[in-house]
């Protein structure tokens, strides 16, 4: 089990940084006309939809990379920083570096289409272009704007020799609280996902349409719990419930449930009972409101 004392024996932090190009310009007073500028803000794009789609593809690609990193790690209470267990660090670095080639290709496509996109915008929207032409960057700076990089770091309480004993004690407590926040994030993530998917399965069985994709997603999430979250999960009630879910869905296929009303009803009752147990768990640090 992860604690503030053994955190960095189990892994380290990865700080992820990604950039983008807004490609917008603020409207000036003449364009806003009589609108109250103290409450109204306005912008316009610097490119048409065709080129914006090219830029959006880069952002989506970076977003997919970040999403994979997030799914293989534990969020740290600093934006863009995640905890990676030791056995996943090498594989994750390989993944990020493999993704770099695809990102470069997308940026290169944007660079190659940039001049044409500016000319097209100038012809289609001359008034907007005239006011915004000083806002266009050099096309080769797109590579700097759409960066994606990472840094492996360790974060801990400061050296006791550098601060007073009283301050050192405070910092140790802060770091302990940080680790507890990570555990709370893990617990909330597991809770919310299990509520969501068991509630969906219950509804599907009630409506008579069990879905294999839902079962597959649940199995994939249970694997993620074992593979990524388990060292941060110290709630016995949640561990017990996870075991019950695994037993409930073991070997279950959606087509089998659709073909047998008895099997479907038995499965619905089992999932309903588990959902009730999850909902009854106390002191869950929810990240968002849940409708039951």
C-alpha atoms as a PDB file:
ATOM      1  CA  UNK A   1       0.000   0.000   0.000  1.00  0.00           C
ATOM      2  CA  UNK A   2       1.276   3.468  -0.926  1.00  0.00           C
ATOM      3  CA  UNK A   3       2.066   5.870   1.929  1.00  0.00           C
ATOM      4  CA  UNK A   4       3.913   9.182   2.186  1.00  0.00           C
ATOM      5  CA  UNK A   5       6.974   7.195   3.320  1.00  0.00           C
ATOM      6  CA  UNK A   6       7.235   4.735   0.445  1.00  0.00           C
ATOM      7  CA  UNK A   7       5.706   6.716  -2.449  1.00  0.00           C
ATOM      8  CA  UNK A   8       8.976   7.088  -4.330  1.00  0.00           C
ATOM      9  CA  UNK A   9      10.018   3.525  -3.688  1.00  0.00           C
ATOM     10  CA  UNK A  10       7.002   2.556  -5.782  1.00  0.00           C
ATOM     11  CA  UNK A  11       7.420   5.016  -8.651  1.00  0.00           C
ATOM     12  CA  UNK A  12       7.855   8.674  -9.585  1.00  0.00           C
ATOM     13  CA  UNK A  13       6.049  11.677 -11.011  1.00  0.00           C
ATOM     14  CA  UNK A  14       5.736  12.624 -14.634  1.00  0.00           C
ATOM     15  CA  UNK A  15       4.992  16.253 -15.473  1.00  0.00           C
ATOM     16  CA  UNK A  16       3.263  16.609 -18.842  1.00  0.00           C
ATOM     17  CA  UNK A  17       3.264  19.872 -20.799  1.00  0.00           C
ATOM     18  CA  UNK A  18       1.266  20.493 -23.965  1.00  0.00           C
ATOM     19  CA  UNK A  19       0.720  23.659 -25.975  1.00  0.00           C
ATOM     20  CA  UNK A  20      -1.637  24.961 -28.618  1.00  0.00           C
ATOM     21  CA  UNK A  21      -2.242  27.951 -30.875  1.00  0.00           C
ATOM     22  CA  UNK A  22      -5.401  29.911 -30.142  1.00  0.00           C
ATOM     23  CA  UNK A  23      -5.620  31.330 -33.684  1.00  0.00           C
ATOM     24  CA  UNK A  24      -8.072  34.009 -32.551  1.00  0.00           C
ATOM     25  CA  UNK A  25      -8.174  37.772 -32.246  1.00  0.00           C
ATOM     26  CA  UNK A  26     -10.178  39.964 -29.892  1.00  0.00           C
ATOM     27  CA  UNK A  27     -12.792  42.167 -31.507  1.00  0.00           C
ATOM     28  CA  UNK A  28     -12.060  45.854 -31.065  1.00  0.00           C
ATOM     29  CA  UNK A  29     -14.497  48.538 -29.926  1.00  0.00           C
ATOM     30  CA  UNK A  30     -15.570  49.425 -33.464  1.00  0.00           C
ATOM     31  CA  UNK A  31     -16.601  45.828 -34.077  1.00  0.00           C
ATOM     32  CA  UNK A  32     -18.423  45.558 -30.774  1.00  0.00           C
ATOM     33  CA  UNK A  33     -20.164  48.837 -31.568  1.00  0.00           C
ATOM     34  CA  UNK A  34     -22.633  49.769 -28.831  1.00  0.00           C
ATOM     35  CA  UNK A  35     -22.269  46.611 -26.771  1.00  0.00           C
ATOM     36  CA  UNK A  36     -21.152  47.176 -23.148  1.00  0.00           C
ATOM     37  CA  UNK A  37     -17.479  46.119 -23.143  1.00  0.00           C
ATOM     38  CA  UNK A  38     -17.441  45.767 -19.349  1.00  0.00           C
ATOM     39  CA  UNK A  39     -19.604  42.641 -19.673  1.00  0.00           C
ATOM     40  CA  UNK A  40     -19.211  41.624 -23.333  1.00  0.00           C
ATOM     41  CA  UNK A  41     -16.125  40.002 -24.809  1.00  0.00           C
ATOM     42  CA  UNK A  42     -15.737  38.987 -28.409  1.00  0.00           C
ATOM     43  CA  UNK A  43     -13.215  37.139 -30.567  1.00  0.00           C
ATOM     44  CA  UNK A  44     -13.008  35.906 -34.116  1.00  0.00           C
ATOM     45  CA  UNK A  45     -10.999  33.074 -35.653  1.00  0.00           C
ATOM     46  CA  UNK A  46      -8.002  33.769 -37.873  1.00  0.00           C
ATOM     47  CA  UNK A  47      -8.760  30.864 -40.199  1.00  0.00           C
ATOM     48  CA  UNK A  48     -11.705  29.188 -41.858  1.00  0.00           C
ATOM     49  CA  UNK A  49     -13.119  25.823 -40.822  1.00  0.00           C
ATOM     50  CA  UNK A  50     -10.944  23.861 -43.250  1.00  0.00           C
ATOM     51  CA  UNK A  51      -7.699  24.971 -41.619  1.00  0.00           C
ATOM     52  CA  UNK A  52      -9.153  25.003 -38.109  1.00  0.00           C
ATOM     53  CA  UNK A  53      -9.878  21.311 -38.561  1.00  0.00           C
ATOM     54  CA  UNK A  54      -6.189  20.751 -39.324  1.00  0.00           C
ATOM     55  CA  UNK A  55      -5.201  22.582 -36.142  1.00  0.00           C
ATOM     56  CA  UNK A  56      -7.885  20.811 -34.129  1.00  0.00           C
ATOM     57  CA  UNK A  57      -6.467  17.446 -35.228  1.00  0.00           C
ATOM     58  CA  UNK A  58      -3.165  18.316 -33.522  1.00  0.00           C
ATOM     59  CA  UNK A  59      -4.922  19.268 -30.291  1.00  0.00           C
ATOM     60  CA  UNK A  60      -6.991  16.079 -30.380  1.00  0.00           C
ATOM     61  CA  UNK A  61      -3.840  14.022 -30.944  1.00  0.00           C
ATOM     62  CA  UNK A  62      -2.137  15.649 -27.956  1.00  0.00           C
ATOM     63  CA  UNK A  63      -5.314  15.123 -25.950  1.00  0.00           C
ATOM     64  CA  UNK A  64      -5.348  11.419 -26.780  1.00  0.00           C
ATOM     65  CA  UNK A  65      -1.733  11.130 -25.646  1.00  0.00           C
ATOM     66  CA  UNK A  66      -2.505  12.886 -22.378  1.00  0.00           C
ATOM     67  CA  UNK A  67      -5.584  10.711 -21.865  1.00  0.00           C
ATOM     68  CA  UNK A  68      -3.506   7.538 -22.187  1.00  0.00           C
ATOM     69  CA  UNK A  69      -0.987   8.894 -19.688  1.00  0.00           C
ATOM     70  CA  UNK A  70      -3.838   9.699 -17.307  1.00  0.00           C
ATOM     71  CA  UNK A  71      -5.289   6.200 -17.662  1.00  0.00           C
ATOM     72  CA  UNK A  72      -1.951   4.616 -16.767  1.00  0.00           C
ATOM     73  CA  UNK A  73      -1.237   6.825 -13.782  1.00  0.00           C
ATOM     74  CA  UNK A  74      -2.553   8.458 -10.618  1.00  0.00           C
ATOM     75  CA  UNK A  75      -3.313  12.207 -10.670  1.00  0.00           C
ATOM     76  CA  UNK A  76      -1.084  14.292  -8.406  1.00  0.00           C
ATOM     77  CA  UNK A  77      -2.569  17.462  -6.834  1.00  0.00           C
ATOM     78  CA  UNK A  78      -0.596  19.669  -9.252  1.00  0.00           C
ATOM     79  CA  UNK A  79      -2.013  20.326 -12.707  1.00  0.00           C
ATOM     80  CA  UNK A  80      -0.348  18.195 -15.371  1.00  0.00           C
ATOM     81  CA  UNK A  81       1.538  15.980 -12.890  1.00  0.00           C
ATOM     82  CA  UNK A  82       0.875  12.255 -12.482  1.00  0.00           C
ATOM     83  CA  UNK A  83       2.314   9.414 -10.411  1.00  0.00           C
ATOM     84  CA  UNK A  84       3.646   6.489 -12.448  1.00  0.00           C
ATOM     85  CA  UNK A  85       4.450   3.159 -10.828  1.00  0.00           C
ATOM     86  CA  UNK A  86       7.961   1.825 -11.420  1.00  0.00           C
ATOM     87  CA  UNK A  87       6.908  -1.015 -13.698  1.00  0.00           C
ATOM     88  CA  UNK A  88       5.101   1.371 -16.070  1.00  0.00           C
ATOM     89  CA  UNK A  89       7.660   4.166 -16.463  1.00  0.00           C
ATOM     90  CA  UNK A  90       9.666   2.638 -19.305  1.00  0.00           C
ATOM     91  CA  UNK A  91       6.593   1.593 -21.289  1.00  0.00           C
ATOM     92  CA  UNK A  92       4.969   4.995 -20.869  1.00  0.00           C
ATOM     93  CA  UNK A  93       8.079   6.845 -22.049  1.00  0.00           C
ATOM     94  CA  UNK A  94       8.237   4.585 -25.097  1.00  0.00           C
ATOM     95  CA  UNK A  95       4.592   5.353 -25.815  1.00  0.00           C
ATOM     96  CA  UNK A  96       5.095   9.133 -25.574  1.00  0.00           C
ATOM     97  CA  UNK A  97       8.127   9.054 -27.829  1.00  0.00           C
ATOM     98  CA  UNK A  98       6.354   6.865 -30.379  1.00  0.00           C
ATOM     99  CA  UNK A  99       3.507   9.393 -30.465  1.00  0.00           C
ATOM    100  CA  UNK A 100       5.941  12.198 -31.249  1.00  0.00           C
ATOM    101  CA  UNK A 101       6.288  11.130 -34.885  1.00  0.00           C
ATOM    102  CA  UNK A 102       2.535  11.325 -35.452  1.00  0.00           C
ATOM    103  CA  UNK A 103       2.399  14.760 -33.844  1.00  0.00           C
ATOM    104  CA  UNK A 104       5.193  16.006 -36.117  1.00  0.00           C
ATOM    105  CA  UNK A 105       3.299  14.818 -39.200  1.00  0.00           C
ATOM    106  CA  UNK A 106       0.175  16.701 -38.152  1.00  0.00           C
ATOM    107  CA  UNK A 107       2.126  19.890 -37.429  1.00  0.00           C
ATOM    108  CA  UNK A 108       3.932  19.567 -40.768  1.00  0.00           C
ATOM    109  CA  UNK A 109       0.561  19.359 -42.496  1.00  0.00           C
ATOM    110  CA  UNK A 110      -0.488  22.589 -40.765  1.00  0.00           C
ATOM    111  CA  UNK A 111       2.737  24.315 -41.805  1.00  0.00           C
ATOM    112  CA  UNK A 112       2.326  23.206 -45.428  1.00  0.00           C
ATOM    113  CA  UNK A 113      -1.248  24.526 -45.564  1.00  0.00           C
ATOM    114  CA  UNK A 114      -0.663  27.695 -43.552  1.00  0.00           C
ATOM    115  CA  UNK A 115       0.035  30.256 -46.303  1.00  0.00           C
ATOM    116  CA  UNK A 116      -2.900  29.079 -48.382  1.00  0.00           C
ATOM    117  CA  UNK A 117      -5.161  29.253 -45.320  1.00  0.00           C
ATOM    118  CA  UNK A 118      -4.150  32.851 -44.581  1.00  0.00           C
ATOM    119  CA  UNK A 119      -4.738  33.881 -48.207  1.00  0.00           C
ATOM    120  CA  UNK A 120      -8.101  32.147 -48.261  1.00  0.00           C
ATOM    121  CA  UNK A 121      -9.170  33.913 -45.068  1.00  0.00           C
ATOM    122  CA  UNK A 122      -8.052  37.278 -46.479  1.00  0.00           C
ATOM    123  CA  UNK A 123     -10.181  36.751 -49.582  1.00  0.00           C
ATOM    124  CA  UNK A 124     -13.265  35.456 -47.771  1.00  0.00           C
ATOM    125  CA  UNK A 125     -13.198  37.835 -44.792  1.00  0.00           C
ATOM    126  CA  UNK A 126     -11.203  40.912 -45.879  1.00  0.00           C
ATOM    127  CA  UNK A 127     -12.452  43.217 -43.103  1.00  0.00           C
ATOM    128  CA  UNK A 128     -11.534  40.760 -40.385  1.00  0.00           C
ATOM    129  CA  UNK A 129      -8.204  39.955 -42.015  1.00  0.00           C
ATOM    130  CA  UNK A 130      -7.228  43.604 -42.312  1.00  0.00           C
ATOM    131  CA  UNK A 131      -7.637  44.147 -38.584  1.00  0.00           C
ATOM    132  CA  UNK A 132      -6.017  40.847 -37.648  1.00  0.00           C
ATOM    133  CA  UNK A 133      -3.092  40.536 -40.071  1.00  0.00           C
ATOM    134  CA  UNK A 134      -0.544  41.535 -37.432  1.00  0.00           C
ATOM    135  CA  UNK A 135      -1.713  38.607 -35.273  1.00  0.00           C
ATOM    136  CA  UNK A 136      -0.586  35.857 -37.638  1.00  0.00           C
ATOM    137  CA  UNK A 137       2.527  34.068 -36.460  1.00  0.00           C
ATOM    138  CA  UNK A 138       5.331  32.719 -38.613  1.00  0.00           C
ATOM    139  CA  UNK A 139       4.134  29.319 -39.803  1.00  0.00           C
ATOM    140  CA  UNK A 140       7.275  27.573 -38.560  1.00  0.00           C
ATOM    141  CA  UNK A 141       6.428  28.640 -35.021  1.00  0.00           C
ATOM    142  CA  UNK A 142       3.515  26.208 -35.105  1.00  0.00           C
ATOM    143  CA  UNK A 143       5.927  23.503 -34.041  1.00  0.00           C
ATOM    144  CA  UNK A 144       6.755  25.547 -30.917  1.00  0.00           C
ATOM    145  CA  UNK A 145       3.096  26.219 -30.187  1.00  0.00           C
ATOM    146  CA  UNK A 146       1.988  22.592 -30.452  1.00  0.00           C
ATOM    147  CA  UNK A 147       4.666  21.103 -28.230  1.00  0.00           C
ATOM    148  CA  UNK A 148       4.155  18.007 -26.099  1.00  0.00           C
ATOM    149  CA  UNK A 149       6.870  17.083 -23.625  1.00  0.00           C
ATOM    150  CA  UNK A 150       7.371  15.437 -20.272  1.00  0.00           C
ATOM    151  CA  UNK A 151       9.706  15.481 -17.306  1.00  0.00           C
ATOM    152  CA  UNK A 152      10.256  12.796 -14.685  1.00  0.00           C
ATOM    153  CA  UNK A 153      10.434  14.331 -11.224  1.00  0.00           C
ATOM    154  CA  UNK A 154      10.292  13.501  -7.539  1.00  0.00           C
ATOM    155  CA  UNK A 155       8.364  15.636  -5.071  1.00  0.00           C
ATOM    156  CA  UNK A 156       8.765  15.213  -1.333  1.00  0.00           C
ATOM    157  CA  UNK A 157       8.991  17.096   1.952  1.00  0.00           C
ATOM    158  CA  UNK A 158      12.068  19.391   2.102  1.00  0.00           C
ATOM    159  CA  UNK A 159      15.369  18.449   3.719  1.00  0.00           C
ATOM    160  CA  UNK A 160      14.993  18.829   7.489  1.00  0.00           C
ATOM    161  CA  UNK A 161      18.463  20.450   7.638  1.00  0.00           C
ATOM    162  CA  UNK A 162      17.229  23.442   5.613  1.00  0.00           C
ATOM    163  CA  UNK A 163      14.272  24.471   7.768  1.00  0.00           C
ATOM    164  CA  UNK A 164      13.252  24.604  11.403  1.00  0.00           C
ATOM    165  CA  UNK A 165      11.942  21.453  13.119  1.00  0.00           C
ATOM    166  CA  UNK A 166       8.509  23.048  13.419  1.00  0.00           C
ATOM    167  CA  UNK A 167       8.355  23.908   9.721  1.00  0.00           C
ATOM    168  CA  UNK A 168       9.706  20.485   8.766  1.00  0.00           C
ATOM    169  CA  UNK A 169       6.901  18.843  10.742  1.00  0.00           C
ATOM    170  CA  UNK A 170       4.352  21.012   8.944  1.00  0.00           C
ATOM    171  CA  UNK A 171       5.788  20.133   5.535  1.00  0.00           C
ATOM    172  CA  UNK A 172       5.768  16.428   6.315  1.00  0.00           C
ATOM    173  CA  UNK A 173       2.096  16.714   7.241  1.00  0.00           C
ATOM    174  CA  UNK A 174       1.398  18.584   4.014  1.00  0.00           C
ATOM    175  CA  UNK A 175       3.067  15.844   1.989  1.00  0.00           C
ATOM    176  CA  UNK A 176       1.105  13.204   3.884  1.00  0.00           C
ATOM    177  CA  UNK A 177      -2.066  15.106   3.054  1.00  0.00           C
ATOM    178  CA  UNK A 178      -1.010  15.221  -0.609  1.00  0.00           C
ATOM    179  CA  UNK A 179      -0.742  11.428  -0.690  1.00  0.00           C
ATOM    180  CA  UNK A 180      -4.144  11.211   0.990  1.00  0.00           C
ATOM    181  CA  UNK A 181      -5.541  13.484  -1.716  1.00  0.00           C
ATOM    182  CA  UNK A 182      -4.208  11.090  -4.335  1.00  0.00           C
ATOM    183  CA  UNK A 183      -5.931   8.214  -2.543  1.00  0.00           C
ATOM    184  CA  UNK A 184      -9.130  10.248  -2.400  1.00  0.00           C
ATOM    185  CA  UNK A 185      -8.903  10.915  -6.133  1.00  0.00           C
ATOM    186  CA  UNK A 186      -8.502   7.204  -6.803  1.00  0.00           C
ATOM    187  CA  UNK A 187     -11.422   6.302  -4.549  1.00  0.00           C
ATOM    188  CA  UNK A 188     -13.675   8.902  -6.173  1.00  0.00           C
ATOM    189  CA  UNK A 189     -12.699   7.739  -9.674  1.00  0.00           C
ATOM    190  CA  UNK A 190     -13.459   4.107  -8.868  1.00  0.00           C
ATOM    191  CA  UNK A 191     -16.698   4.956  -7.071  1.00  0.00           C
ATOM    192  CA  UNK A 192     -18.057   7.174  -9.829  1.00  0.00           C
ATOM    193  CA  UNK A 193     -17.175   4.762 -12.624  1.00  0.00           C
ATOM    194  CA  UNK A 194     -18.636   1.743 -10.822  1.00  0.00           C
ATOM    195  CA  UNK A 195     -21.839   3.634 -10.044  1.00  0.00           C
ATOM    196  CA  UNK A 196     -22.098   4.715 -13.676  1.00  0.00           C
ATOM    197  CA  UNK A 197     -21.518   1.303 -15.232  1.00  0.00           C
ATOM    198  CA  UNK A 198     -23.534  -0.802 -12.758  1.00  0.00           C
ATOM    199  CA  UNK A 199     -26.419   1.639 -13.065  1.00  0.00           C
ATOM    200  CA  UNK A 200     -26.225   1.306 -16.854  1.00  0.00           C
ATOM    201  CA  UNK A 201     -26.138  -2.494 -16.717  1.00  0.00           C
ATOM    202  CA  UNK A 202     -29.148  -2.534 -14.386  1.00  0.00           C
ATOM    203  CA  UNK A 203     -31.095  -0.325 -16.779  1.00  0.00           C
ATOM    204  CA  UNK A 204     -30.098  -2.412 -19.792  1.00  0.00           C
ATOM    205  CA  UNK A 205     -31.293  -5.588 -18.106  1.00  0.00           C
ATOM    206  CA  UNK A 206     -34.529  -3.884 -17.052  1.00  0.00           C
ATOM    207  CA  UNK A 207     -35.119  -2.671 -20.623  1.00  0.00           C
ATOM    208  CA  UNK A 208     -34.174  -6.072 -22.022  1.00  0.00           C
ATOM    209  CA  UNK A 209     -31.111  -4.912 -23.973  1.00  0.00           C
ATOM    210  CA  UNK A 210     -27.853  -5.921 -22.229  1.00  0.00           C
ATOM    211  CA  UNK A 211     -24.918  -4.436 -24.146  1.00  0.00           C
ATOM    212  CA  UNK A 212     -21.600  -6.233 -24.666  1.00  0.00           C
ATOM    213  CA  UNK A 213     -19.706  -2.961 -24.941  1.00  0.00           C
ATOM    214  CA  UNK A 214     -20.815  -2.004 -21.429  1.00  0.00           C
ATOM    215  CA  UNK A 215     -19.566  -5.335 -20.089  1.00  0.00           C
ATOM    216  CA  UNK A 216     -16.277  -4.907 -21.965  1.00  0.00           C
ATOM    217  CA  UNK A 217     -15.819  -1.413 -20.566  1.00  0.00           C
ATOM    218  CA  UNK A 218     -16.455  -2.674 -17.048  1.00  0.00           C
ATOM    219  CA  UNK A 219     -13.930  -5.482 -17.466  1.00  0.00           C
ATOM    220  CA  UNK A 220     -11.365  -3.011 -18.826  1.00  0.00           C
ATOM    221  CA  UNK A 221     -11.928  -0.696 -15.863  1.00  0.00           C
ATOM    222  CA  UNK A 222     -11.550  -3.566 -13.385  1.00  0.00           C
ATOM    223  CA  UNK A 223      -8.229  -4.379 -15.055  1.00  0.00           C
ATOM    224  CA  UNK A 224      -7.185  -0.752 -14.648  1.00  0.00           C
ATOM    225  CA  UNK A 225      -8.019  -0.926 -10.950  1.00  0.00           C
ATOM    226  CA  UNK A 226      -5.746  -3.953 -10.547  1.00  0.00           C
ATOM    227  CA  UNK A 227      -3.020  -2.570 -12.777  1.00  0.00           C
ATOM    228  CA  UNK A 228      -2.927   1.101 -11.771  1.00  0.00           C
ATOM    229  CA  UNK A 229      -5.108   1.985  -8.795  1.00  0.00           C
ATOM    230  CA  UNK A 230      -4.723  -0.927  -6.387  1.00  0.00           C
ATOM    231  CA  UNK A 231      -1.746   0.418  -4.400  1.00  0.00           C
ATOM    232  CA  UNK A 232      -3.706   3.604  -3.639  1.00  0.00           C
ATOM    233  CA  UNK A 233      -6.937   1.883  -2.608  1.00  0.00           C
ATOM    234  CA  UNK A 234      -7.105   1.242   1.133  1.00  0.00           C
ATOM    235  CA  UNK A 235     -10.897   1.018   1.601  1.00  0.00           C
ATOM    236  CA  UNK A 236     -11.891  -2.524   2.612  1.00  0.00           C
ATOM    237  CA  UNK A 237     -15.536  -1.976   1.687  1.00  0.00           C
ATOM    238  CA  UNK A 238     -14.600  -0.900  -1.848  1.00  0.00           C
ATOM    239  CA  UNK A 239     -12.197  -3.827  -2.252  1.00  0.00           C
ATOM    240  CA  UNK A 240     -14.938  -6.221  -1.170  1.00  0.00           C
ATOM    241  CA  UNK A 241     -17.394  -4.677  -3.621  1.00  0.00           C
ATOM    242  CA  UNK A 242     -14.885  -4.905  -6.466  1.00  0.00           C
ATOM    243  CA  UNK A 243     -14.480  -8.628  -5.756  1.00  0.00           C
ATOM    244  CA  UNK A 244     -18.262  -9.047  -5.886  1.00  0.00           C
ATOM    245  CA  UNK A 245     -18.454  -7.256  -9.228  1.00  0.00           C
ATOM    246  CA  UNK A 246     -15.714  -9.466 -10.667  1.00  0.00           C
ATOM    247  CA  UNK A 247     -17.559 -12.564  -9.509  1.00  0.00           C
ATOM    248  CA  UNK A 248     -20.864 -11.237 -10.877  1.00  0.00           C
ATOM    249  CA  UNK A 249     -19.610 -10.559 -14.402  1.00  0.00           C
ATOM    250  CA  UNK A 250     -17.147 -13.451 -14.708  1.00  0.00           C
ATOM    251  CA  UNK A 251     -17.833 -15.185 -18.018  1.00  0.00           C
ATOM    252  CA  UNK A 252     -21.012 -13.210 -18.645  1.00  0.00           C
ATOM    253  CA  UNK A 253     -21.814 -12.361 -22.275  1.00  0.00           C
ATOM    254  CA  UNK A 254     -24.543  -9.951 -23.352  1.00  0.00           C
ATOM    255  CA  UNK A 255     -26.028 -12.345 -25.905  1.00  0.00           C
ATOM    256  CA  UNK A 256     -26.457 -14.984 -23.189  1.00  0.00           C
ATOM    257  CA  UNK A 257     -28.445 -12.508 -21.099  1.00  0.00           C
ATOM    258  CA  UNK A 258     -30.581 -11.481 -24.056  1.00  0.00           C
ATOM    259  CA  UNK A 259     -31.393 -15.100 -24.850  1.00  0.00           C
ATOM    260  CA  UNK A 260     -32.483 -16.044 -21.311  1.00  0.00           C
ATOM    261  CA  UNK A 261     -34.932 -14.025 -19.259  1.00  0.00           C
ATOM    262  CA  UNK A 262     -34.019 -16.004 -16.154  1.00  0.00           C
ATOM    263  CA  UNK A 263     -30.289 -15.345 -16.579  1.00  0.00           C
ATOM    264  CA  UNK A 264     -30.962 -11.690 -17.302  1.00  0.00           C
ATOM    265  CA  UNK A 265     -33.146 -11.275 -14.217  1.00  0.00           C
ATOM    266  CA  UNK A 266     -30.636 -13.045 -12.001  1.00  0.00           C
ATOM    267  CA  UNK A 267     -27.870 -10.823 -13.332  1.00  0.00           C
ATOM    268  CA  UNK A 268     -30.018  -7.701 -12.861  1.00  0.00           C
ATOM    269  CA  UNK A 269     -30.684  -8.584  -9.225  1.00  0.00           C
ATOM    270  CA  UNK A 270     -26.995  -9.184  -8.572  1.00  0.00           C
ATOM    271  CA  UNK A 271     -25.934  -5.913 -10.170  1.00  0.00           C
ATOM    272  CA  UNK A 272     -28.735  -4.029  -8.383  1.00  0.00           C
ATOM    273  CA  UNK A 273     -27.569  -5.366  -5.025  1.00  0.00           C
ATOM    274  CA  UNK A 274     -23.987  -4.313  -5.773  1.00  0.00           C
ATOM    275  CA  UNK A 275     -25.135  -0.869  -6.911  1.00  0.00           C
ATOM    276  CA  UNK A 276     -27.007  -0.425  -3.630  1.00  0.00           C
ATOM    277  CA  UNK A 277     -23.842  -1.340  -1.705  1.00  0.00           C
ATOM    278  CA  UNK A 278     -21.781   1.189  -3.656  1.00  0.00           C
ATOM    279  CA  UNK A 279     -24.343   3.933  -3.152  1.00  0.00           C
ATOM    280  CA  UNK A 280     -24.398   3.252   0.593  1.00  0.00           C
ATOM    281  CA  UNK A 281     -20.651   3.718   1.036  1.00  0.00           C
ATOM    282  CA  UNK A 282     -19.896   6.617   3.402  1.00  0.00           C
ATOM    283  CA  UNK A 283     -17.321   9.402   3.084  1.00  0.00           C
ATOM    284  CA  UNK A 284     -16.648   9.219  -0.647  1.00  0.00           C
ATOM    285  CA  UNK A 285     -14.863  12.390  -1.909  1.00  0.00           C
ATOM    286  CA  UNK A 286     -16.970  12.894  -5.031  1.00  0.00           C
ATOM    287  CA  UNK A 287     -15.498  14.891  -7.903  1.00  0.00           C
ATOM    288  CA  UNK A 288     -18.940  15.636  -9.325  1.00  0.00           C
ATOM    289  CA  UNK A 289     -22.583  15.220  -8.435  1.00  0.00           C
ATOM    290  CA  UNK A 290     -24.139  11.839  -9.218  1.00  0.00           C
ATOM    291  CA  UNK A 291     -27.784  11.210  -9.972  1.00  0.00           C
ATOM    292  CA  UNK A 292     -28.952   7.855  -8.616  1.00  0.00           C
END
